[in-house]
Amino acid sequence: MYKYLKRPLDFILAFIGLIIFSPLLIIVMIILSFTGEREIFYLQERIGYKNRKFKIWKFATMVKDSPNIGTGSLTTRNDPRVTKFGKLLRSTKINELPQLINVFIGNMSLVGPRPQMEVDFLKFPLNIQQHIYDVKPGITGIGSVIFRDEEKLITESGEEPHLYYKKHIAPYKGELEIWYQNHLTLLTDIKLIFITIFVIPFSESNIPYWMMKTLPPKPIFNK
């Protein structure tokens, strides 16, 4: 039943969110117009529902053409491509707020698997690629909160970033997103929204595993 209510709830909550956060959005837009490379929004092609491509909205936090510079689609800790103001936006997740537009128009949900660039989507095991977007991608989700320190893991691994992501992160992240689909309820989404807010100041917390007892066991990531 909830899957039929999810879209109307997303529409209503995105509309309310855009109104509530409009003062903050306007302030950020003004600051971005005078800092960094003076770009406000960054629209990037991602893989979405049923593996169809769409444009995701984000505040610009990196230098222009960043996907073709350095580590490309993957961001490392203290990545030199991130602007000074961009670091603040990314650490507070404010850079993700424009995705409320995506939710409002219907190509994203508030909660769901994060939409990937195609180059990273192809790092998932084939069986995961076939099903990860059987639900709409979300602003937040179980993969997002578990891998909130993904940049740190990649940076400290000592391995080539894209190889490390494919070997260690993508398989477990995919497993988490399939778990989400199998446990898709209103309560699950409420928990994930709460966890998302909680882990912003408490990034080392294990609260996802405490609140969701049936999550796939966390692997030990090799470094």
C-alpha atoms as a PDB file:
ATOM      1  CA  MET A   1       0.000   0.000   0.000  1.00  0.00           C
ATOM      2  CA  TYR A   2       2.752   2.462   0.931  1.00  0.00           C
ATOM      3  CA  LYS A   3       4.341   2.316  -2.524  1.00  0.00           C
ATOM      4  CA  TYR A   4       1.173   3.932  -3.907  1.00  0.00           C
ATOM      5  CA  LEU A   5       1.305   6.704  -1.284  1.00  0.00           C
ATOM      6  CA  LYS A   6       5.024   7.377  -1.684  1.00  0.00           C
ATOM      7  CA  ARG A   7       4.731   9.642  -4.741  1.00  0.00           C
ATOM      8  CA  PRO A   8       1.928  11.866  -3.310  1.00  0.00           C
ATOM      9  CA  LEU A   9       3.854  12.172  -0.032  1.00  0.00           C
ATOM     10  CA  ASP A  10       7.063  13.017  -1.903  1.00  0.00           C
ATOM     11  CA  PHE A  11       5.239  15.722  -3.892  1.00  0.00           C
ATOM     12  CA  ILE A  12       3.682  17.319  -0.803  1.00  0.00           C
ATOM     13  CA  LEU A  13       6.841  17.150   1.316  1.00  0.00           C
ATOM     14  CA  ALA A  14       9.056  18.463  -1.506  1.00  0.00           C
ATOM     15  CA  PHE A  15       6.688  21.398  -2.012  1.00  0.00           C
ATOM     16  CA  ILE A  16       6.710  22.171   1.720  1.00  0.00           C
ATOM     17  CA  GLY A  17      10.494  21.721   1.845  1.00  0.00           C
ATOM     18  CA  LEU A  18      11.078  24.148  -1.026  1.00  0.00           C
ATOM     19  CA  ILE A  19       8.983  26.760   0.779  1.00  0.00           C
ATOM     20  CA  ILE A  20      10.639  26.214   4.169  1.00  0.00           C
ATOM     21  CA  PHE A  21      14.179  26.185   2.797  1.00  0.00           C
ATOM     22  CA  SER A  22      13.660  28.955   0.232  1.00  0.00           C
ATOM     23  CA  PRO A  23      15.397  31.629   2.397  1.00  0.00           C
ATOM     24  CA  LEU A  24      18.449  29.356   2.802  1.00  0.00           C
ATOM     25  CA  LEU A  25      18.410  28.434  -0.880  1.00  0.00           C
ATOM     26  CA  ILE A  26      18.344  32.100  -1.876  1.00  0.00           C
ATOM     27  CA  ILE A  27      21.238  32.945   0.471  1.00  0.00           C
ATOM     28  CA  VAL A  28      23.345  30.089  -0.923  1.00  0.00           C
ATOM     29  CA  MET A  29      22.524  31.143  -4.484  1.00  0.00           C
ATOM     30  CA  ILE A  30      23.688  34.687  -3.764  1.00  0.00           C
ATOM     31  CA  ILE A  31      26.938  33.510  -2.144  1.00  0.00           C
ATOM     32  CA  LEU A  32      27.680  31.106  -5.000  1.00  0.00           C
ATOM     33  CA  SER A  33      27.157  33.886  -7.534  1.00  0.00           C
ATOM     34  CA  PHE A  34      30.071  35.768  -5.950  1.00  0.00           C
ATOM     35  CA  THR A  35      32.417  32.911  -4.955  1.00  0.00           C
ATOM     36  CA  GLY A  36      34.301  30.020  -6.517  1.00  0.00           C
ATOM     37  CA  GLU A  37      33.651  29.894 -10.231  1.00  0.00           C
ATOM     38  CA  ARG A  38      30.358  31.782  -9.829  1.00  0.00           C
ATOM     39  CA  GLU A  39      28.231  28.816 -10.801  1.00  0.00           C
ATOM     40  CA  ILE A  40      25.068  28.269  -8.777  1.00  0.00           C
ATOM     41  CA  PHE A  41      23.589  24.968  -9.905  1.00  0.00           C
ATOM     42  CA  TYR A  42      25.226  21.865 -11.273  1.00  0.00           C
ATOM     43  CA  LEU A  43      23.015  19.619 -13.379  1.00  0.00           C
ATOM     44  CA  GLN A  44      24.556  16.218 -13.926  1.00  0.00           C
ATOM     45  CA  GLU A  45      23.321  13.146 -15.778  1.00  0.00           C
ATOM     46  CA  ARG A  46      22.568  10.236 -13.465  1.00  0.00           C
ATOM     47  CA  ILE A  47      20.967   6.792 -13.690  1.00  0.00           C
ATOM     48  CA  GLY A  48      17.439   6.796 -12.285  1.00  0.00           C
ATOM     49  CA  TYR A  49      14.201   4.834 -12.099  1.00  0.00           C
ATOM     50  CA  LYS A  50      14.251   1.712 -14.291  1.00  0.00           C
ATOM     51  CA  ASN A  51      17.817   2.659 -15.322  1.00  0.00           C
ATOM     52  CA  ARG A  52      16.630   5.706 -17.268  1.00  0.00           C
ATOM     53  CA  LYS A  53      18.916   8.748 -17.316  1.00  0.00           C
ATOM     54  CA  PHE A  54      17.921  12.120 -15.884  1.00  0.00           C
ATOM     55  CA  LYS A  55      19.489  15.373 -14.702  1.00  0.00           C
ATOM     56  CA  ILE A  56      20.094  15.752 -10.972  1.00  0.00           C
ATOM     57  CA  TRP A  57      20.090  19.231  -9.384  1.00  0.00           C
ATOM     58  CA  LYS A  58      22.856  20.166  -6.946  1.00  0.00           C
ATOM     59  CA  PHE A  59      24.525  23.333  -5.760  1.00  0.00           C
ATOM     60  CA  ALA A  60      27.883  23.748  -7.483  1.00  0.00           C
ATOM     61  CA  THR A  61      30.624  22.756  -5.037  1.00  0.00           C
ATOM     62  CA  MET A  62      33.487  21.825  -7.368  1.00  0.00           C
ATOM     63  CA  VAL A  63      35.488  23.455 -10.123  1.00  0.00           C
ATOM     64  CA  LYS A  64      34.141  23.285 -13.657  1.00  0.00           C
ATOM     65  CA  ASP A  65      34.689  20.072 -15.599  1.00  0.00           C
ATOM     66  CA  SER A  66      35.541  18.253 -12.349  1.00  0.00           C
ATOM     67  CA  PRO A  67      34.311  14.835 -13.663  1.00  0.00           C
ATOM     68  CA  ASN A  68      37.166  14.988 -16.176  1.00  0.00           C
ATOM     69  CA  ILE A  69      39.796  16.026 -13.620  1.00  0.00           C
ATOM     70  CA  GLY A  70      41.644  13.984 -10.982  1.00  0.00           C
ATOM     71  CA  THR A  71      39.615  11.043  -9.661  1.00  0.00           C
ATOM     72  CA  GLY A  72      36.672  11.872 -11.929  1.00  0.00           C
ATOM     73  CA  SER A  73      33.304  10.712 -10.605  1.00  0.00           C
ATOM     74  CA  LEU A  74      34.686   9.792  -7.165  1.00  0.00           C
ATOM     75  CA  THR A  75      35.443  12.413  -4.536  1.00  0.00           C
ATOM     76  CA  THR A  76      38.251  11.936  -2.028  1.00  0.00           C
ATOM     77  CA  ARG A  77      38.740  13.599   1.337  1.00  0.00           C
ATOM     78  CA  ASN A  78      40.176  17.128   0.945  1.00  0.00           C
ATOM     79  CA  ASP A  79      39.630  16.820  -2.791  1.00  0.00           C
ATOM     80  CA  PRO A  80      41.338  19.854  -4.386  1.00  0.00           C
ATOM     81  CA  ARG A  81      38.481  20.188  -6.895  1.00  0.00           C
ATOM     82  CA  VAL A  82      36.063  21.218  -4.125  1.00  0.00           C
ATOM     83  CA  THR A  83      35.770  24.977  -3.589  1.00  0.00           C
ATOM     84  CA  LYS A  84      36.067  26.545  -0.120  1.00  0.00           C
ATOM     85  CA  PHE A  85      32.360  27.308   0.145  1.00  0.00           C
ATOM     86  CA  GLY A  86      31.650  23.963  -1.491  1.00  0.00           C
ATOM     87  CA  LYS A  87      33.298  22.173   1.447  1.00  0.00           C
ATOM     88  CA  LEU A  88      30.802  23.786   3.814  1.00  0.00           C
ATOM     89  CA  LEU A  89      27.867  22.912   1.582  1.00  0.00           C
ATOM     90  CA  ARG A  90      28.994  19.298   1.260  1.00  0.00           C
ATOM     91  CA  SER A  91      29.741  18.789   4.974  1.00  0.00           C
ATOM     92  CA  THR A  92      26.257  20.054   5.921  1.00  0.00           C
ATOM     93  CA  LYS A  93      24.558  18.335   2.939  1.00  0.00           C
ATOM     94  CA  ILE A  94      23.061  21.696   1.938  1.00  0.00           C
ATOM     95  CA  ASN A  95      24.410  21.033  -1.553  1.00  0.00           C
ATOM     96  CA  GLU A  96      21.766  18.302  -1.889  1.00  0.00           C
ATOM     97  CA  LEU A  97      18.760  20.564  -1.150  1.00  0.00           C
ATOM     98  CA  PRO A  98      18.120  21.518  -4.800  1.00  0.00           C
ATOM     99  CA  GLN A  99      17.203  17.864  -5.341  1.00  0.00           C
ATOM    100  CA  LEU A 100      13.871  18.784  -3.794  1.00  0.00           C
ATOM    101  CA  ILE A 101      13.177  20.049  -7.328  1.00  0.00           C
ATOM    102  CA  ASN A 102      13.838  16.537  -8.645  1.00  0.00           C
ATOM    103  CA  VAL A 103      11.469  15.111  -6.041  1.00  0.00           C
ATOM    104  CA  PHE A 104       8.825  17.714  -6.849  1.00  0.00           C
ATOM    105  CA  ILE A 105       8.863  16.963 -10.584  1.00  0.00           C
ATOM    106  CA  GLY A 106       8.911  13.214  -9.950  1.00  0.00           C
ATOM    107  CA  ASN A 107      12.240  11.758 -11.091  1.00  0.00           C
ATOM    108  CA  MET A 108      13.477  11.295  -7.512  1.00  0.00           C
ATOM    109  CA  SER A 109      12.071  10.410  -4.104  1.00  0.00           C
ATOM    110  CA  LEU A 110      13.017  11.728  -0.674  1.00  0.00           C
ATOM    111  CA  VAL A 111      14.293   8.269   0.254  1.00  0.00           C
ATOM    112  CA  GLY A 112      15.786   5.705  -2.092  1.00  0.00           C
ATOM    113  CA  PRO A 113      19.068   4.507  -3.598  1.00  0.00           C
ATOM    114  CA  ARG A 114      21.383   7.352  -4.559  1.00  0.00           C
ATOM    115  CA  PRO A 115      21.382   7.978  -8.321  1.00  0.00           C
ATOM    116  CA  GLN A 116      24.796   7.133  -9.741  1.00  0.00           C
ATOM    117  CA  MET A 117      26.766   8.464 -12.659  1.00  0.00           C
ATOM    118  CA  GLU A 118      26.865   5.792 -15.343  1.00  0.00           C
ATOM    119  CA  VAL A 119      30.587   5.156 -14.795  1.00  0.00           C
ATOM    120  CA  ASP A 120      29.901   4.273 -11.134  1.00  0.00           C
ATOM    121  CA  PHE A 121      26.617   2.464 -11.830  1.00  0.00           C
ATOM    122  CA  LEU A 122      28.588   0.034 -14.014  1.00  0.00           C
ATOM    123  CA  LYS A 123      30.805  -0.811 -11.024  1.00  0.00           C
ATOM    124  CA  PHE A 124      27.877  -2.561  -9.332  1.00  0.00           C
ATOM    125  CA  PRO A 125      27.561  -6.329  -9.819  1.00  0.00           C
ATOM    126  CA  LEU A 126      25.295  -7.118 -12.774  1.00  0.00           C
ATOM    127  CA  ASN A 127      22.466  -8.499 -10.630  1.00  0.00           C
ATOM    128  CA  ILE A 128      22.462  -5.249  -8.634  1.00  0.00           C
ATOM    129  CA  GLN A 129      22.432  -3.127 -11.807  1.00  0.00           C
ATOM    130  CA  GLN A 130      19.295  -4.949 -12.928  1.00  0.00           C
ATOM    131  CA  HIS A 131      17.292  -4.156  -9.776  1.00  0.00           C
ATOM    132  CA  ILE A 132      18.785  -1.261  -7.794  1.00  0.00           C
ATOM    133  CA  TYR A 133      16.530   1.269  -9.521  1.00  0.00           C
ATOM    134  CA  ASP A 134      13.319  -0.714  -9.415  1.00  0.00           C
ATOM    135  CA  VAL A 135      12.412   2.137  -7.045  1.00  0.00           C
ATOM    136  CA  LYS A 136      13.066   5.820  -7.632  1.00  0.00           C
ATOM    137  CA  PRO A 137      16.457   7.132  -6.492  1.00  0.00           C
ATOM    138  CA  GLY A 138      16.436   9.292  -3.384  1.00  0.00           C
ATOM    139  CA  ILE A 139      18.031  12.333  -1.790  1.00  0.00           C
ATOM    140  CA  THR A 140      18.971  10.027   1.045  1.00  0.00           C
ATOM    141  CA  GLY A 141      18.841   6.284   1.619  1.00  0.00           C
ATOM    142  CA  ILE A 142      20.422   3.394   3.452  1.00  0.00           C
ATOM    143  CA  GLY A 143      23.459   3.339   1.167  1.00  0.00           C
ATOM    144  CA  SER A 144      23.964   7.060   1.695  1.00  0.00           C
ATOM    145  CA  VAL A 145      23.955   6.920   5.488  1.00  0.00           C
ATOM    146  CA  ILE A 146      26.090   3.784   5.745  1.00  0.00           C
ATOM    147  CA  PHE A 147      28.634   5.243   3.325  1.00  0.00           C
ATOM    148  CA  ARG A 148      28.511   8.802   4.660  1.00  0.00           C
ATOM    149  CA  ASP A 149      32.316   8.573   5.066  1.00  0.00           C
ATOM    150  CA  GLU A 150      32.849   7.113   1.608  1.00  0.00           C
ATOM    151  CA  GLU A 151      35.379   9.839   0.766  1.00  0.00           C
ATOM    152  CA  LYS A 152      37.438   8.870   3.822  1.00  0.00           C
ATOM    153  CA  LEU A 153      37.313   5.153   2.976  1.00  0.00           C
ATOM    154  CA  ILE A 154      38.465   5.792  -0.576  1.00  0.00           C
ATOM    155  CA  THR A 155      41.223   8.198   0.474  1.00  0.00           C
ATOM    156  CA  GLU A 156      42.636   5.946   3.206  1.00  0.00           C
ATOM    157  CA  SER A 157      42.396   2.695   1.247  1.00  0.00           C
ATOM    158  CA  GLY A 158      45.710   3.195  -0.521  1.00  0.00           C
ATOM    159  CA  GLU A 159      44.177   1.628  -3.648  1.00  0.00           C
ATOM    160  CA  GLU A 160      43.230   3.180  -6.948  1.00  0.00           C
ATOM    161  CA  PRO A 161      39.873   4.871  -6.102  1.00  0.00           C
ATOM    162  CA  HIS A 162      37.739   3.377  -8.876  1.00  0.00           C
ATOM    163  CA  LEU A 163      39.094  -0.137  -8.312  1.00  0.00           C
ATOM    164  CA  TYR A 164      38.511   0.160  -4.560  1.00  0.00           C
ATOM    165  CA  TYR A 165      34.959   1.359  -5.120  1.00  0.00           C
ATOM    166  CA  LYS A 166      34.208  -1.555  -7.451  1.00  0.00           C
ATOM    167  CA  LYS A 167      35.803  -4.193  -5.195  1.00  0.00           C
ATOM    168  CA  HIS A 168      34.643  -3.078  -1.771  1.00  0.00           C
ATOM    169  CA  ILE A 169      32.003  -0.341  -1.773  1.00  0.00           C
ATOM    170  CA  ALA A 170      29.715  -1.098  -4.722  1.00  0.00           C
ATOM    171  CA  PRO A 171      28.882  -4.731  -3.775  1.00  0.00           C
ATOM    172  CA  TYR A 172      27.837  -3.887  -0.211  1.00  0.00           C
ATOM    173  CA  LYS A 173      26.103  -0.643  -1.174  1.00  0.00           C
ATOM    174  CA  GLY A 174      24.106  -2.579  -3.748  1.00  0.00           C
ATOM    175  CA  GLU A 175      23.200  -5.196  -1.163  1.00  0.00           C
ATOM    176  CA  LEU A 176      21.965  -2.445   1.146  1.00  0.00           C
ATOM    177  CA  GLU A 177      19.752  -0.938  -1.545  1.00  0.00           C
ATOM    178  CA  ILE A 178      18.172  -4.296  -2.341  1.00  0.00           C
ATOM    179  CA  TRP A 179      17.543  -4.677   1.407  1.00  0.00           C
ATOM    180  CA  TYR A 180      15.755  -1.316   1.312  1.00  0.00           C
ATOM    181  CA  GLN A 181      13.426  -2.459  -1.457  1.00  0.00           C
ATOM    182  CA  ASN A 182      12.582  -5.606   0.490  1.00  0.00           C
ATOM    183  CA  HIS A 183      11.793  -3.525   3.602  1.00  0.00           C
ATOM    184  CA  LEU A 184      10.103  -0.551   1.945  1.00  0.00           C
ATOM    185  CA  THR A 185       7.581   0.835   4.423  1.00  0.00           C
ATOM    186  CA  LEU A 186       6.644   4.262   5.737  1.00  0.00           C
ATOM    187  CA  LEU A 187       8.414   3.418   8.995  1.00  0.00           C
ATOM    188  CA  THR A 188      11.633   2.529   7.131  1.00  0.00           C
ATOM    189  CA  ASP A 189      11.581   5.870   5.309  1.00  0.00           C
ATOM    190  CA  ILE A 190      10.889   7.799   8.523  1.00  0.00           C
ATOM    191  CA  LYS A 191      13.799   6.026  10.223  1.00  0.00           C
ATOM    192  CA  LEU A 192      16.130   6.809   7.310  1.00  0.00           C
ATOM    193  CA  ILE A 193      15.203  10.499   7.325  1.00  0.00           C
ATOM    194  CA  PHE A 194      15.856  10.646  11.071  1.00  0.00           C
ATOM    195  CA  ILE A 195      19.161   8.782  10.707  1.00  0.00           C
ATOM    196  CA  THR A 196      20.239  11.131   7.899  1.00  0.00           C
ATOM    197  CA  ILE A 197      19.732  14.162  10.142  1.00  0.00           C
ATOM    198  CA  PHE A 198      21.382  12.447  13.118  1.00  0.00           C
ATOM    199  CA  VAL A 199      24.588  11.384  11.364  1.00  0.00           C
ATOM    200  CA  ILE A 200      25.401  14.854  10.010  1.00  0.00           C
ATOM    201  CA  PRO A 201      26.809  15.934  13.419  1.00  0.00           C
ATOM    202  CA  PHE A 202      27.506  12.366  14.621  1.00  0.00           C
ATOM    203  CA  SER A 203      29.202  10.836  11.596  1.00  0.00           C
ATOM    204  CA  GLU A 204      30.857   7.992  13.539  1.00  0.00           C
ATOM    205  CA  SER A 205      27.571   6.695  14.946  1.00  0.00           C
ATOM    206  CA  ASN A 206      26.408   3.136  14.321  1.00  0.00           C
ATOM    207  CA  ILE A 207      22.773   4.180  14.666  1.00  0.00           C
ATOM    208  CA  PRO A 208      21.699   2.666  11.289  1.00  0.00           C
ATOM    209  CA  TYR A 209      22.595  -0.831  12.540  1.00  0.00           C
ATOM    210  CA  TRP A 210      20.977  -0.145  15.906  1.00  0.00           C
ATOM    211  CA  MET A 211      17.684   1.055  14.410  1.00  0.00           C
ATOM    212  CA  MET A 212      17.578  -1.506  11.600  1.00  0.00           C
ATOM    213  CA  LYS A 213      18.494  -4.873  13.022  1.00  0.00           C
ATOM    214  CA  THR A 214      18.077  -6.837   9.784  1.00  0.00           C
ATOM    215  CA  LEU A 215      20.648  -4.933   7.720  1.00  0.00           C
ATOM    216  CA  PRO A 216      23.204  -7.086   5.877  1.00  0.00           C
ATOM    217  CA  PRO A 217      26.294  -7.563   8.085  1.00  0.00           C
ATOM    218  CA  LYS A 218      28.836  -4.811   7.666  1.00  0.00           C
ATOM    219  CA  PRO A 219      31.976  -6.079   5.926  1.00  0.00           C
ATOM    220  CA  ILE A 220      35.504  -5.220   6.979  1.00  0.00           C
ATOM    221  CA  PHE A 221      36.834  -2.955   4.271  1.00  0.00           C
ATOM    222  CA  ASN A 222      40.373  -3.859   3.319  1.00  0.00           C
ATOM    223  CA  LYS A 223      42.886  -1.025   3.164  1.00  0.00           C
END
